[in-house]
C-alpha atoms as a PDB file:
ATOM      1  CA  MET A   1     -77.426  25.405  12.826  1.00  0.00           C
ATOM      2  CA  GLY A   2     -78.070  27.285  16.022  1.00  0.00           C
ATOM      3  CA  VAL A   3     -76.032  29.027  18.716  1.00  0.00           C
ATOM      4  CA  ARG A   4     -77.294  30.153  22.098  1.00  0.00           C
ATOM      5  CA  PHE A   5     -75.674  32.046  24.974  1.00  0.00           C
ATOM      6  CA  ALA A   6     -77.358  32.523  28.335  1.00  0.00           C
ATOM      7  CA  TYR A   7     -76.177  34.597  31.291  1.00  0.00           C
ATOM      8  CA  ASN A   8     -77.935  34.033  34.603  1.00  0.00           C
ATOM      9  CA  TYR A   9     -77.335  36.034  37.772  1.00  0.00           C
ATOM     10  CA  ARG A  10     -78.540  35.101  41.231  1.00  0.00           C
ATOM     11  CA  ASP A  11     -78.369  37.759  43.933  1.00  0.00           C
ATOM     12  CA  THR A  12     -77.289  37.019  47.506  1.00  0.00           C
ATOM     13  CA  PHE A  13     -79.779  34.707  49.209  1.00  0.00           C
ATOM     14  CA  LEU A  14     -80.410  32.865  52.469  1.00  0.00           C
ATOM     15  CA  SER A  15     -79.244  29.289  51.880  1.00  0.00           C
ATOM     16  CA  GLY A  16     -79.448  27.770  55.353  1.00  0.00           C
ATOM     17  CA  THR A  17     -81.230  28.392  58.624  1.00  0.00           C
ATOM     18  CA  ALA A  18     -79.439  26.120  61.104  1.00  0.00           C
ATOM     19  CA  PRO A  19     -76.939  27.739  61.255  1.00  0.00           C
ATOM     20  CA  ILE A  20     -77.857  30.970  59.417  1.00  0.00           C
ATOM     21  CA  GLU A  21     -75.937  30.873  56.126  1.00  0.00           C
ATOM     22  CA  TYR A  22     -75.991  33.049  53.001  1.00  0.00           C
ATOM     23  CA  THR A  23     -74.771  32.470  49.451  1.00  0.00           C
ATOM     24  CA  LYS A  24     -73.128  35.483  47.808  1.00  0.00           C
ATOM     25  CA  GLY A  25     -74.526  36.640  44.453  1.00  0.00           C
ATOM     26  CA  TYR A  26     -72.929  35.127  41.350  1.00  0.00           C
ATOM     27  CA  GLY A  27     -73.422  34.942  37.583  1.00  0.00           C
ATOM     28  CA  GLU A  28     -72.895  32.102  35.135  1.00  0.00           C
ATOM     29  CA  LEU A  29     -72.495  32.129  31.353  1.00  0.00           C
ATOM     30  CA  ASP A  30     -73.660  29.040  29.417  1.00  0.00           C
ATOM     31  CA  ALA A  31     -73.417  28.307  25.697  1.00  0.00           C
ATOM     32  CA  GLN A  32     -74.918  25.797  23.312  1.00  0.00           C
ATOM     33  CA  ALA A  33     -74.387  25.106  19.615  1.00  0.00           C
ATOM     34  CA  SER A  34     -76.282  22.644  17.443  1.00  0.00           C
ATOM     35  CA  TYR A  35     -75.954  21.448  13.861  1.00  0.00           C
ATOM     36  CA  LYS A  36     -78.463  19.373  11.916  1.00  0.00           C
ATOM     37  CA  ILE A  37     -76.484  16.796   9.928  1.00  0.00           C
ATOM     38  CA  THR A  38     -79.499  15.071   8.342  1.00  0.00           C
ATOM     39  CA  GLY A  39     -83.252  15.174   8.826  1.00  0.00           C
ATOM     40  CA  ASN A  40     -82.936  12.688  11.695  1.00  0.00           C
ATOM     41  CA  VAL A  41     -79.525  13.579  13.198  1.00  0.00           C
ATOM     42  CA  LEU A  42     -78.856  16.689  15.271  1.00  0.00           C
ATOM     43  CA  VAL A  43     -75.514  17.202  17.036  1.00  0.00           C
ATOM     44  CA  THR A  44     -75.514  19.498  20.063  1.00  0.00           C
ATOM     45  CA  LEU A  45     -72.568  20.779  22.093  1.00  0.00           C
ATOM     46  CA  GLY A  46     -73.178  22.552  25.390  1.00  0.00           C
ATOM     47  CA  ALA A  47     -70.890  24.263  27.883  1.00  0.00           C
ATOM     48  CA  ALA A  48     -71.944  25.425  31.343  1.00  0.00           C
ATOM     49  CA  ASN A  49     -70.407  28.031  33.659  1.00  0.00           C
ATOM     50  CA  LEU A  50     -67.928  29.468  31.153  1.00  0.00           C
ATOM     51  CA  THR A  51     -67.110  32.251  33.634  1.00  0.00           C
ATOM     52  CA  ASN A  52     -66.042  29.617  36.203  1.00  0.00           C
ATOM     53  CA  ALA A  53     -68.251  31.252  38.848  1.00  0.00           C
ATOM     54  CA  VAL A  54     -68.171  29.761  42.335  1.00  0.00           C
ATOM     55  CA  GLN A  55     -70.830  29.790  45.008  1.00  0.00           C
ATOM     56  CA  GLN A  56     -69.413  31.526  48.074  1.00  0.00           C
ATOM     57  CA  LYS A  57     -71.246  30.907  51.332  1.00  0.00           C
ATOM     58  CA  TYR A  58     -70.831  32.816  54.563  1.00  0.00           C
ATOM     59  CA  ASP A  59     -72.401  32.934  58.016  1.00  0.00           C
ATOM     60  CA  ARG A  60     -74.712  35.644  59.319  1.00  0.00           C
ATOM     61  CA  PHE A  61     -71.792  37.645  60.726  1.00  0.00           C
ATOM     62  CA  ALA A  62     -69.886  37.550  57.393  1.00  0.00           C
ATOM     63  CA  THR A  63     -66.728  36.752  59.336  1.00  0.00           C
ATOM     64  CA  SER A  64     -65.966  33.441  57.684  1.00  0.00           C
ATOM     65  CA  SER A  65     -66.542  31.756  54.359  1.00  0.00           C
ATOM     66  CA  ILE A  66     -67.847  28.242  53.999  1.00  0.00           C
ATOM     67  CA  ARG A  67     -66.620  26.206  51.046  1.00  0.00           C
ATOM     68  CA  SER A  68     -69.200  24.430  48.950  1.00  0.00           C
ATOM     69  CA  PRO A  69     -68.595  21.858  46.195  1.00  0.00           C
ATOM     70  CA  SER A  70     -69.282  23.045  42.659  1.00  0.00           C
ATOM     71  CA  SER A  71     -71.336  21.092  40.136  1.00  0.00           C
ATOM     72  CA  ASP A  72     -68.270  19.054  39.113  1.00  0.00           C
ATOM     73  CA  GLY A  73     -67.568  18.044  42.736  1.00  0.00           C
ATOM     74  CA  ALA A  74     -64.451  20.203  43.120  1.00  0.00           C
ATOM     75  CA  ILE A  75     -64.118  22.372  46.231  1.00  0.00           C
ATOM     76  CA  PRO A  76     -63.793  26.007  45.062  1.00  0.00           C
ATOM     77  CA  PRO A  77     -61.304  28.377  46.685  1.00  0.00           C
ATOM     78  CA  VAL A  78     -62.395  30.533  49.613  1.00  0.00           C
ATOM     79  CA  TYR A  79     -62.401  34.306  49.149  1.00  0.00           C
ATOM     80  CA  VAL A  80     -62.506  36.287  52.395  1.00  0.00           C
END
């Protein structure tokens, strides 16, 4: 049996150059658990982005936010 948690943070970064666009820093918490049933069978359960972090993009003037789809295809809310 094994359990793993991983927290990853990415600081604000330049994500586009035409037009100039930045992605605000964000952190994500992932988890994984596994259990060996037999010598040949291992069951693993994984969960990504438990903190429900969104990627917020903005232009070089930081006057507007640009919505970007998340990994599941949903459009996250805009925080201005």
